[in-house]
Amino acid sequence: MDVELRDIHKTFGKVRANVGIRLHVPAGTIQGILGENGAGKSTLMKVLSGFIHADQGAILLDGRPVVIHSPADAIRAGIGMLHQDPLDFPPMRVIDNFVMARGGSLFPGRAAARRDLKKLAAQFGFALDPDAYVDSLTVGERQQLEIVRLLWLGARVLIFDEPTTGISAAQKERLFAALRLLADQDKTVLFVSHKLEDVEGLCDRVVVLRQGYLVGEARPPYTTRQLVEMMFGKAISIGKRVPCAVGETSLRLRNLSVEDYRLKVRGVNLAVRAGEVIGLAGMEGSGQGLFMRAVAGLLRTTGGRISLDGRNLTGRSHLVSKRHGVAFLPASRLEEGLVPGLDLTEHFVLAEKKGGFFIDWEGGRALAEERIAEFNIRGTPASHVEALSGGNQQRALLALLRVSLRLLLLEHPTRGLDIESTIYIWSKLKERCGQGTSILFVSSDLEEILQYSDRVLVFFNGRVSPPLEAAEMNTDRLGELIGGKGWPEEEWVEEMTADG
């Protein structure tokens, strides 16, 4: 389906999210939409998919003007959008999520729907069990479910908003293969991203947005420097790897074990020094999430000991861990990290230590303004968190962390952030390291793991490597270990030293 956007304008108060955007995308094209956080990418796609209404402008499909008031209107017109956070119901089964958006009968034909689900999934090489519960799926599998559901509903234009955020390299390869197959079927794919390597490796053409304006376009062969300069108006370098000076051992794990109904992580021994950064690498679902939540006090361990600064925190709650200087930042922003319906001021008031019986709203607004400026959040103290872009939600989560911490546990800390924001956020995290905070972080970006870690733990199907020196690793070697290659037949000898 041929898609054309003409003179699209959209403002939110004083924020000009889209200013006179004009874009034409022929059928069978994978169109990249590139831009920094807050550039207006997601806003433009939400206008096209009916989630918000443009203040001005027109949408044409196959040359005919259409009026889209809602996502239901959009899907009837053949437009479907896959959001950064999948729009599904985790407590329900795959087949239930698959059929619930189809109108008509109160009791849809599940046998036919099951056959359609399996047929569509097989077409793209997806392994989706209709009877599995969605909360047992990885983020990549939830994306696969959404793709086949949108196709079943008749989508011929598919919008992907930052789809590689939070998925493994193998899942990304599978996703890209599916998108190329969609284009071969004459579907139109709009691929929204801030990741240059994803756009360069996938897209037939690219347009760049900056501060609400469409500032340029490019076709292969792409020049990274040119795309970066269009995104930010200047050249940006990630810089050299700079390790922090480390102190005495602060966190010690002895024979730590944790499990759920799917996976067991056993016998982890680790000593982390004050100011040290440990990167946790592995395919999604390999055990790093269980490990992080056990250390944070969110999951009860099945064995071993956790101590911080000599205090035994084994079996203690997350609230007790927080009192001793532990903070945990989850990957799912709106499900676990932020509270939809509350504005930024209310979040900062909740995050700070209480003083007295009454809430200091004026102080809360002042703190919100200070942190908004410090973390370059595109919003105001009165902005509700669900109205922020994904990248700005991530900045808000980081801004809510208390100043004095002993241990910081982060799941995908730069998820959804552009290059400039990533560099800035890590500069702030490294400042914390300089103050003696130890950091453990999960990332699916191998280059991020190697750039910012002092040491790396690799997770594979519940197995955990001993700490590996990041300076001695490369992405090829790390990728092999993540994929289960190069592991010795005998178990590695786990770390048992006093200093790590």
Protein backbone atom coordinates (compact mmCIF):
# COMPACT_ATOMS: atom_id res chain seq x y z
CA MET A 1 0.00 0.00 0.00
CA ASP A 2 1.31 3.42 -1.00
CA VAL A 3 1.44 5.87 1.96
CA GLU A 4 1.64 9.66 1.80
CA LEU A 5 1.69 12.18 4.64
CA ARG A 6 1.07 15.80 3.67
CA ASP A 7 1.95 18.78 5.86
CA ILE A 8 1.44 17.03 9.22
CA HIS A 9 1.49 19.34 12.25
CA LYS A 10 1.11 18.28 15.89
CA THR A 11 1.74 20.23 19.08
CA PHE A 12 1.44 19.33 22.77
CA GLY A 13 1.14 22.59 24.62
CA LYS A 14 4.33 24.48 23.85
CA VAL A 15 6.06 21.41 22.39
CA ARG A 16 6.02 21.29 18.57
CA ALA A 17 6.24 17.54 18.00
CA ASN A 18 5.67 17.58 14.20
CA VAL A 19 6.05 20.62 11.97
CA GLY A 20 4.91 20.37 8.34
CA ILE A 21 6.03 16.76 7.77
CA ARG A 22 5.74 15.56 4.17
CA LEU A 23 6.58 11.92 3.42
CA HIS A 24 5.79 9.50 0.58
CA VAL A 25 6.45 5.76 0.97
CA PRO A 26 5.77 3.39 -1.97
CA ALA A 27 4.39 -0.11 -1.39
CA GLY A 28 7.01 -2.81 -0.80
CA THR A 29 9.43 -0.37 0.85
CA ILE A 30 11.16 -0.61 4.22
CA GLN A 31 11.22 3.07 5.16
CA GLY A 32 13.52 4.11 7.99
CA ILE A 33 12.38 6.94 10.29
CA LEU A 34 15.51 8.07 12.13
CA GLY A 35 15.93 10.72 14.81
CA GLU A 36 17.10 11.54 18.31
CA ASN A 37 14.87 11.06 21.36
CA GLY A 38 11.94 13.47 21.21
CA ALA A 39 12.49 14.25 17.52
CA GLY A 40 8.83 13.48 16.74
CA LYS A 41 9.18 10.00 15.22
CA SER A 42 6.68 8.22 17.45
CA THR A 43 4.25 11.14 17.30
CA LEU A 44 4.21 11.01 13.50
CA MET A 45 3.57 7.27 13.51
CA LYS A 46 0.82 7.58 16.12
CA VAL A 47 -0.88 10.13 13.86
CA LEU A 48 -0.74 7.65 10.97
CA SER A 49 -2.01 4.77 13.14
CA GLY A 50 -4.87 6.73 14.74
CA PHE A 51 -3.60 6.88 18.32
CA ILE A 52 -3.48 10.69 18.19
CA HIS A 53 -4.93 13.27 15.81
CA ALA A 54 -2.89 15.74 13.79
CA ASP A 55 -3.65 19.43 14.25
CA GLN A 56 -3.26 19.89 10.51
CA GLY A 57 -2.43 17.83 7.42
CA ALA A 58 -3.68 14.88 5.39
CA ILE A 59 -3.08 11.12 5.04
CA LEU A 60 -3.37 9.42 1.64
CA LEU A 61 -3.41 5.66 1.03
CA ASP A 62 -2.92 4.54 -2.57
CA GLY A 63 -3.54 8.15 -3.56
CA ARG A 64 -6.89 8.45 -1.76
CA PRO A 65 -7.38 10.72 1.29
CA VAL A 66 -8.47 8.88 4.43
CA VAL A 67 -9.68 10.13 7.79
CA ILE A 68 -8.37 8.12 10.75
CA HIS A 69 -9.95 8.84 14.12
CA SER A 70 -8.77 5.77 16.03
CA PRO A 71 -6.56 2.66 15.83
CA ALA A 72 -9.69 0.74 14.81
CA ASP A 73 -10.11 3.09 11.85
CA ALA A 74 -6.44 2.59 11.00
CA ILE A 75 -6.61 -1.21 11.00
CA ARG A 76 -9.76 -1.10 8.85
CA ALA A 77 -7.75 1.05 6.42
CA GLY A 78 -4.91 -1.50 6.52
CA ILE A 79 -2.52 0.23 8.96
CA GLY A 80 -1.18 -1.51 12.08
CA MET A 81 1.42 -0.38 14.61
CA LEU A 82 3.72 -2.40 16.83
CA HIS A 83 4.67 -0.23 19.80
CA GLN A 84 7.83 -0.18 21.91
CA ASP A 85 5.87 -1.87 24.70
CA PRO A 86 3.69 -4.62 23.17
CA LEU A 87 -0.05 -4.01 23.54
CA ASP A 88 -1.05 -7.40 24.88
CA PHE A 89 -2.47 -9.00 28.01
CA PRO A 90 0.28 -11.05 29.72
CA PRO A 91 -2.05 -13.07 32.02
CA MET A 92 -3.89 -14.44 28.97
CA ARG A 93 -2.89 -17.12 26.47
CA VAL A 94 -1.41 -16.46 23.04
CA ILE A 95 -4.59 -17.56 21.25
CA ASP A 96 -6.72 -15.27 23.44
CA ASN A 97 -4.54 -12.27 22.59
CA PHE A 98 -4.60 -13.26 18.94
CA VAL A 99 -8.40 -13.30 18.57
CA MET A 100 -9.49 -10.53 20.93
CA ALA A 101 -9.07 -7.64 18.47
CA ARG A 102 -11.16 -9.29 15.74
CA GLY A 103 -14.66 -7.82 15.64
CA GLY A 104 -17.88 -9.66 14.94
CA SER A 105 -19.00 -12.70 16.88
CA LEU A 106 -18.87 -12.69 20.66
CA PHE A 107 -17.36 -16.16 20.46
CA PRO A 108 -14.88 -16.18 17.54
CA GLY A 109 -14.09 -19.45 15.79
CA ARG A 110 -11.07 -20.52 17.80
CA ALA A 111 -10.30 -23.59 15.74
CA ALA A 112 -9.98 -21.50 12.57
CA ALA A 113 -8.08 -18.80 14.44
CA ARG A 114 -5.66 -21.38 15.81
CA ARG A 115 -5.01 -22.69 12.28
CA ASP A 116 -4.47 -19.13 11.00
CA LEU A 117 -2.08 -18.34 13.86
CA LYS A 118 0.02 -21.43 13.19
CA LYS A 119 0.03 -20.81 9.43
CA LEU A 120 1.12 -17.17 9.76
CA ALA A 121 3.74 -18.02 12.39
CA ALA A 122 5.19 -20.78 10.21
CA GLN A 123 5.39 -18.41 7.25
CA PHE A 124 7.86 -16.24 9.20
CA GLY A 125 9.61 -19.01 11.12
CA PHE A 126 8.04 -18.00 14.44
CA ALA A 127 7.61 -20.66 17.14
CA LEU A 128 4.43 -19.52 18.90
CA ASP A 129 2.49 -21.96 21.06
CA PRO A 130 -1.20 -20.92 20.99
CA ASP A 131 -1.72 -22.28 24.51
CA ALA A 132 1.30 -20.56 26.11
CA TYR A 133 0.64 -17.63 28.40
CA VAL A 134 1.96 -14.32 27.12
CA ASP A 135 3.79 -13.58 30.38
CA SER A 136 5.98 -16.62 29.64
CA LEU A 137 7.12 -15.17 26.29
CA THR A 138 10.23 -13.11 25.66
CA VAL A 139 9.89 -9.56 24.30
CA GLY A 140 10.87 -10.86 20.88
CA GLU A 141 8.14 -13.53 20.95
CA ARG A 142 5.57 -10.95 22.05
CA GLN A 143 6.59 -8.90 19.00
CA GLN A 144 6.12 -11.96 16.80
CA LEU A 145 2.63 -12.46 18.19
CA GLU A 146 1.76 -8.83 17.45
CA ILE A 147 3.07 -9.11 13.87
CA VAL A 148 0.95 -12.15 13.01
CA ARG A 149 -2.07 -10.63 14.78
CA LEU A 150 -1.82 -7.40 12.74
CA LEU A 151 -1.48 -9.39 9.51
CA TRP A 152 -4.50 -11.51 10.46
CA LEU A 153 -6.47 -8.29 10.99
CA GLY A 154 -5.57 -7.21 7.45
CA ALA A 155 -2.67 -4.80 7.92
CA ARG A 156 -0.84 -3.88 4.71
CA VAL A 157 1.13 -1.04 6.29
CA LEU A 158 3.06 -2.06 9.40
CA ILE A 159 4.72 0.46 11.70
CA PHE A 160 7.51 -0.71 14.02
CA ASP A 161 8.42 1.74 16.80
CA GLU A 162 11.93 1.00 18.15
CA PRO A 163 11.40 -2.78 17.72
CA THR A 164 15.01 -3.80 18.46
CA THR A 165 14.95 -2.30 21.94
CA GLY A 166 15.36 -4.98 24.59
CA ILE A 167 15.69 -8.00 22.27
CA SER A 168 18.70 -10.21 21.64
CA ALA A 169 20.89 -10.19 18.53
CA ALA A 170 19.38 -13.51 17.38
CA GLN A 171 15.85 -12.16 17.84
CA LYS A 172 16.79 -9.05 15.88
CA GLU A 173 18.02 -11.17 12.97
CA ARG A 174 14.72 -13.08 12.98
CA LEU A 175 12.76 -9.83 13.11
CA PHE A 176 14.70 -8.32 10.19
CA ALA A 177 14.14 -11.46 8.11
CA ALA A 178 10.39 -11.13 8.79
CA LEU A 179 10.39 -7.46 7.77
CA ARG A 180 12.18 -8.22 4.51
CA LEU A 181 9.63 -10.94 3.79
CA LEU A 182 6.80 -8.46 4.43
CA ALA A 183 8.34 -6.04 1.92
CA ASP A 184 8.68 -8.87 -0.61
CA GLN A 185 4.93 -9.44 -0.16
CA ASP A 186 4.38 -5.79 -1.19
CA LYS A 187 3.60 -4.71 2.37
CA THR A 188 4.83 -1.27 3.43
CA VAL A 189 7.10 -1.22 6.49
CA LEU A 190 7.86 1.93 8.46
CA PHE A 191 10.80 1.28 10.78
CA VAL A 192 11.23 3.88 13.54
CA SER A 193 14.58 3.90 15.28
CA HIS A 194 17.43 5.94 16.67
CA LYS A 195 19.94 3.11 16.03
CA LEU A 196 22.08 3.80 13.00
CA GLU A 197 23.29 0.22 12.57
CA ASP A 198 19.71 -1.11 12.44
CA VAL A 199 18.58 1.44 9.87
CA GLU A 200 21.69 1.04 7.73
CA GLY A 201 21.40 -2.77 7.73
CA LEU A 202 17.69 -2.97 6.96
CA CYS A 203 16.08 0.04 5.32
CA ASP A 204 15.66 0.80 1.61
CA ARG A 205 15.55 4.53 2.37
CA VAL A 206 15.72 6.78 5.43
CA VAL A 207 14.31 10.12 6.50
CA VAL A 208 15.66 12.00 9.52
CA LEU A 209 13.61 14.03 11.99
CA ARG A 210 15.06 16.60 14.37
CA GLN A 211 13.05 18.66 16.87
CA GLY A 212 9.82 18.02 14.98
CA TYR A 213 11.11 18.81 11.48
CA LEU A 214 12.01 16.44 8.64
CA VAL A 215 15.56 17.62 8.04
CA GLY A 216 16.90 15.18 5.46
CA GLU A 217 16.69 11.87 3.65
CA ALA A 218 19.17 9.30 2.41
CA ARG A 219 19.41 6.12 0.36
CA PRO A 220 22.02 3.32 0.36
CA PRO A 221 24.95 3.30 0.56
CA TYR A 222 24.53 5.19 3.83
CA THR A 223 27.22 7.30 5.45
CA THR A 224 27.09 7.04 9.23
CA ARG A 225 28.67 10.44 9.73
CA GLN A 226 26.06 12.07 7.49
CA LEU A 227 23.15 10.42 9.35
CA VAL A 228 24.57 11.41 12.73
CA GLU A 229 25.01 15.02 11.66
CA MET A 230 21.43 15.12 10.33
CA MET A 231 20.14 13.67 13.63
CA PHE A 232 22.02 15.98 15.97
CA GLY A 233 23.23 18.84 13.79
CA LYS A 234 26.83 17.94 14.66
CA ALA A 235 29.31 15.05 14.67
CA ILE A 236 29.35 12.82 17.76
CA SER A 237 32.02 10.39 18.94
CA ILE A 238 31.45 7.73 21.59
CA GLY A 239 34.97 8.27 22.89
CA LYS A 240 37.48 5.87 24.39
CA ARG A 241 36.69 3.28 27.00
CA VAL A 242 37.46 4.76 30.44
CA PRO A 243 37.41 2.37 33.44
CA CYS A 244 36.72 3.77 36.92
CA ALA A 245 39.04 3.49 39.89
CA VAL A 246 37.67 0.78 42.18
CA GLY A 247 37.73 0.44 45.95
CA GLU A 248 37.20 -2.39 48.43
CA THR A 249 34.73 -5.20 47.86
CA SER A 250 31.18 -3.98 48.49
CA LEU A 251 28.90 -6.72 47.10
CA ARG A 252 29.65 -10.39 47.67
CA LEU A 253 27.64 -13.33 46.33
CA ARG A 254 28.44 -16.85 47.51
CA ASN A 255 26.88 -19.85 45.75
CA LEU A 256 23.83 -17.76 44.86
CA SER A 257 20.97 -19.78 43.37
CA VAL A 258 17.57 -18.61 42.13
CA GLU A 259 14.94 -20.22 39.95
CA ASP A 260 11.45 -19.99 38.52
CA TYR A 261 9.28 -22.53 36.74
CA ARG A 262 11.31 -22.15 33.52
CA LEU A 263 14.93 -21.77 34.54
CA LYS A 264 17.45 -22.35 37.32
CA VAL A 265 20.53 -20.19 37.94
CA ARG A 266 22.86 -21.90 40.39
CA GLY A 267 26.11 -21.44 42.25
CA VAL A 268 27.03 -17.87 41.27
CA ASN A 269 30.08 -16.55 43.12
CA LEU A 270 31.02 -12.94 42.62
CA ALA A 271 32.84 -10.15 44.46
CA VAL A 272 32.15 -6.62 43.19
CA ARG A 273 34.24 -3.66 44.24
CA ALA A 274 32.99 -0.18 45.00
CA GLY A 275 32.91 1.83 41.78
CA GLU A 276 33.08 -1.26 39.53
CA VAL A 277 30.74 -1.85 36.57
CA ILE A 278 29.70 -5.43 35.80
CA GLY A 279 27.89 -6.06 32.51
CA LEU A 280 25.49 -9.01 32.25
CA ALA A 281 25.30 -10.40 28.73
CA GLY A 282 23.09 -13.14 27.34
CA MET A 283 20.08 -13.90 25.22
CA GLU A 284 16.83 -12.79 26.75
CA GLY A 285 15.57 -15.38 29.21
CA SER A 286 19.02 -16.84 29.91
CA GLY A 287 18.85 -16.04 33.63
CA GLN A 288 20.19 -12.52 33.97
CA GLY A 289 16.74 -11.16 34.84
CA LEU A 290 16.28 -13.72 37.64
CA PHE A 291 19.77 -12.97 38.91
CA MET A 292 19.20 -9.20 39.03
CA ARG A 293 15.89 -9.51 40.86
CA ALA A 294 17.40 -11.90 43.39
CA VAL A 295 20.22 -9.47 44.15
CA ALA A 296 17.67 -6.64 44.40
CA GLY A 297 15.57 -8.55 46.93
CA LEU A 298 12.62 -8.86 44.55
CA LEU A 299 12.92 -12.67 44.26
CA ARG A 300 13.72 -15.07 47.06
CA THR A 301 16.91 -17.02 46.52
CA THR A 302 16.93 -20.82 46.70
CA GLY A 303 20.46 -20.98 48.02
CA GLY A 304 23.60 -19.02 48.80
CA ARG A 305 24.32 -15.69 50.44
CA ILE A 306 24.12 -12.00 49.46
CA SER A 307 26.09 -9.46 51.48
CA LEU A 308 26.60 -5.73 50.93
CA ASP A 309 29.26 -3.86 52.88
CA GLY A 310 29.35 -6.83 55.25
CA ARG A 311 25.59 -6.85 55.89
CA ASN A 312 23.74 -10.08 55.18
CA LEU A 313 20.85 -9.27 52.82
CA THR A 314 19.98 -12.88 51.98
CA GLY A 315 16.23 -13.35 52.02
CA ARG A 316 15.59 -9.71 52.87
CA SER A 317 12.98 -7.71 50.97
CA HIS A 318 13.63 -5.08 48.33
CA LEU A 319 12.53 -2.43 50.83
CA VAL A 320 15.29 -3.50 53.23
CA SER A 321 17.80 -3.52 50.37
CA LYS A 322 16.76 0.03 49.43
CA ARG A 323 17.42 1.18 52.99
CA HIS A 324 20.96 -0.10 52.63
CA GLY A 325 21.59 1.78 49.37
CA VAL A 326 20.40 -0.66 46.67
CA ALA A 327 18.38 0.63 43.70
CA PHE A 328 16.83 -1.38 40.87
CA LEU A 329 15.78 0.09 37.51
CA PRO A 330 13.58 -2.35 35.52
CA ALA A 331 13.39 -2.71 31.75
CA SER A 332 9.60 -2.37 31.62
CA ARG A 333 9.10 1.34 32.19
CA LEU A 334 5.34 1.69 32.55
CA GLU A 335 4.69 -1.74 34.05
CA GLU A 336 7.27 -1.68 36.86
CA GLY A 337 9.22 1.57 36.82
CA LEU A 338 6.72 4.43 36.49
CA VAL A 339 3.09 5.00 37.50
CA PRO A 340 0.77 5.84 34.58
CA GLY A 341 -1.61 8.61 35.49
CA LEU A 342 0.89 10.46 37.68
CA ASP A 343 2.92 13.45 36.50
CA LEU A 344 6.66 13.99 36.93
CA THR A 345 6.25 16.14 40.04
CA GLU A 346 4.27 13.39 41.74
CA HIS A 347 6.93 10.84 40.81
CA PHE A 348 9.73 12.92 42.35
CA VAL A 349 7.68 13.50 45.50
CA LEU A 350 7.12 9.73 45.83
CA ALA A 351 10.79 8.91 45.16
CA GLU A 352 12.25 11.25 47.78
CA LYS A 353 12.52 10.54 51.49
CA LYS A 354 9.55 11.83 53.44
CA GLY A 355 9.94 14.71 55.92
CA GLY A 356 6.89 15.35 58.07
CA PHE A 357 3.20 14.72 57.62
CA PHE A 358 2.55 17.07 54.71
CA ILE A 359 3.68 16.91 51.09
CA ASP A 360 5.93 19.74 49.95
CA TRP A 361 4.45 20.23 46.49
CA GLU A 362 6.45 23.38 45.83
CA GLY A 363 9.67 21.56 46.65
CA GLY A 364 8.55 18.65 44.48
CA ARG A 365 7.97 20.93 41.50
CA ALA A 366 11.33 22.60 42.02
CA LEU A 367 13.05 19.20 42.17
CA ALA A 368 11.19 18.08 39.04
CA GLU A 369 12.33 21.19 37.15
CA GLU A 370 15.91 20.63 38.30
CA ARG A 371 15.99 16.96 37.25
CA ILE A 372 14.17 17.67 33.96
CA ALA A 373 16.91 20.14 33.07
CA GLU A 374 19.73 17.92 34.36
CA PHE A 375 18.59 14.84 32.41
CA ASN A 376 17.28 16.80 29.40
CA ILE A 377 13.78 15.33 29.68
CA ARG A 378 11.41 16.73 27.07
CA GLY A 379 8.47 17.51 29.32
CA THR A 380 7.35 19.67 32.21
CA PRO A 381 6.71 18.96 35.92
CA ALA A 382 3.02 18.55 35.00
CA SER A 383 3.68 16.04 32.18
CA HIS A 384 2.14 12.62 32.78
CA VAL A 385 4.71 9.88 32.30
CA GLU A 386 2.64 7.92 29.78
CA ALA A 387 2.63 11.00 27.52
CA LEU A 388 6.45 11.06 27.33
CA SER A 389 8.35 9.37 24.53
CA GLY A 390 10.03 6.06 25.38
CA GLY A 391 13.45 7.67 25.59
CA ASN A 392 12.18 10.40 27.88
CA GLN A 393 10.50 7.82 30.11
CA GLN A 394 13.91 6.16 30.43
CA ARG A 395 15.56 9.47 31.35
CA ALA A 396 12.84 10.04 33.95
CA LEU A 397 13.53 6.64 35.53
CA LEU A 398 17.22 7.47 35.81
CA ALA A 399 16.43 10.93 37.18
CA LEU A 400 14.31 9.37 39.95
CA LEU A 401 17.26 7.44 41.41
CA ARG A 402 18.44 8.77 44.75
CA VAL A 403 21.80 10.49 44.83
CA SER A 404 23.55 8.29 47.43
CA LEU A 405 23.66 4.60 46.45
CA ARG A 406 25.95 1.68 47.17
CA LEU A 407 24.63 -0.68 44.48
CA LEU A 408 22.76 0.16 41.30
CA LEU A 409 21.05 -2.64 39.34
CA LEU A 410 19.97 -1.65 35.83
CA GLU A 411 18.05 -3.54 33.15
CA HIS A 412 18.77 -2.02 29.73
CA PRO A 413 19.72 1.43 31.11
CA THR A 414 19.94 3.07 27.68
CA ARG A 415 17.01 1.23 26.13
CA GLY A 416 15.33 3.59 23.66
CA LEU A 417 18.04 6.26 23.94
CA ASP A 418 19.92 7.77 21.02
CA ILE A 419 23.72 7.94 20.80
CA GLU A 420 24.08 11.36 22.41
CA SER A 421 21.71 10.44 25.24
CA THR A 422 23.51 7.13 25.81
CA ILE A 423 26.85 8.88 26.14
CA TYR A 424 25.33 11.43 28.53
CA ILE A 425 23.57 8.84 30.70
CA TRP A 426 26.72 6.78 31.04
CA SER A 427 28.66 9.89 32.00
CA LYS A 428 26.13 10.34 34.85
CA LEU A 429 26.42 6.67 35.82
CA LYS A 430 30.22 6.86 35.79
CA GLU A 431 29.96 9.87 38.13
CA ARG A 432 28.16 7.56 40.55
CA CYS A 433 30.97 5.02 40.17
CA GLY A 434 33.42 7.76 41.13
CA GLN A 435 31.39 8.21 44.32
CA GLY A 436 31.73 4.50 45.17
CA THR A 437 28.52 3.10 43.67
CA SER A 438 28.85 -0.38 42.16
CA ILE A 439 26.80 -1.03 39.01
CA LEU A 440 25.43 -4.26 37.57
CA PHE A 441 23.59 -3.82 34.28
CA VAL A 442 21.88 -5.97 31.66
CA SER A 443 22.07 -5.00 28.00
CA SER A 444 21.40 -6.68 24.68
CA ASP A 445 23.86 -4.27 23.02
CA LEU A 446 27.23 -6.03 22.98
CA GLU A 447 29.11 -2.85 22.17
CA GLU A 448 27.54 -1.13 25.19
CA ILE A 449 28.54 -4.07 27.39
CA LEU A 450 32.17 -3.88 26.27
CA GLN A 451 32.35 -0.07 26.20
CA TYR A 452 31.14 0.57 29.74
CA SER A 453 31.87 -2.60 31.75
CA ASP A 454 34.97 -3.37 33.76
CA ARG A 455 34.06 -7.06 33.81
CA VAL A 456 31.38 -9.16 32.11
CA LEU A 457 29.25 -12.12 33.21
CA VAL A 458 27.81 -14.22 30.37
CA PHE A 459 24.52 -16.08 30.93
CA PHE A 460 23.49 -19.06 28.84
CA ASN A 461 20.49 -21.23 29.71
CA GLY A 462 21.02 -20.71 33.43
CA ARG A 463 24.79 -21.17 33.31
CA VAL A 464 26.95 -18.23 34.34
CA SER A 465 30.53 -17.60 33.34
CA PRO A 466 33.14 -16.33 35.77
CA PRO A 467 33.82 -12.58 35.43
CA LEU A 468 35.63 -11.84 32.16
CA GLU A 469 37.76 -8.75 31.65
CA ALA A 470 35.87 -6.49 29.23
CA ALA A 471 39.09 -4.94 27.89
CA GLU A 472 40.22 -8.39 26.71
CA MET A 473 36.94 -9.25 24.94
CA ASN A 474 35.48 -8.35 21.54
CA THR A 475 31.93 -8.56 20.18
CA ASP A 476 32.66 -11.72 18.17
CA ARG A 477 33.91 -13.63 21.21
CA LEU A 478 31.13 -12.28 23.41
CA GLY A 479 28.53 -13.19 20.77
CA GLU A 480 29.83 -16.77 20.62
CA LEU A 481 29.56 -17.20 24.38
CA ILE A 482 26.06 -15.72 24.43
CA GLY A 483 25.05 -18.22 21.75
CA GLY A 484 26.46 -21.13 23.76
CA LYS A 485 29.60 -21.58 21.68
CA GLY A 486 33.07 -21.79 23.16
CA TRP A 487 31.97 -22.87 26.62
CA PRO A 488 34.24 -25.63 27.99
CA GLU A 489 32.77 -29.06 28.61
CA GLU A 490 33.71 -28.85 32.26
CA GLU A 491 32.23 -26.01 34.30
CA TRP A 492 34.39 -22.92 34.63
CA VAL A 493 35.83 -22.53 38.09
CA GLU A 494 33.68 -19.91 39.77
CA GLU A 495 35.21 -16.93 41.47
CA MET A 496 35.87 -17.47 45.17
CA THR A 497 38.52 -14.84 45.91
CA ALA A 498 38.11 -12.24 48.60
CA ASP A 499 38.61 -9.24 46.36
CA GLY A 500 37.09 -10.48 43.08
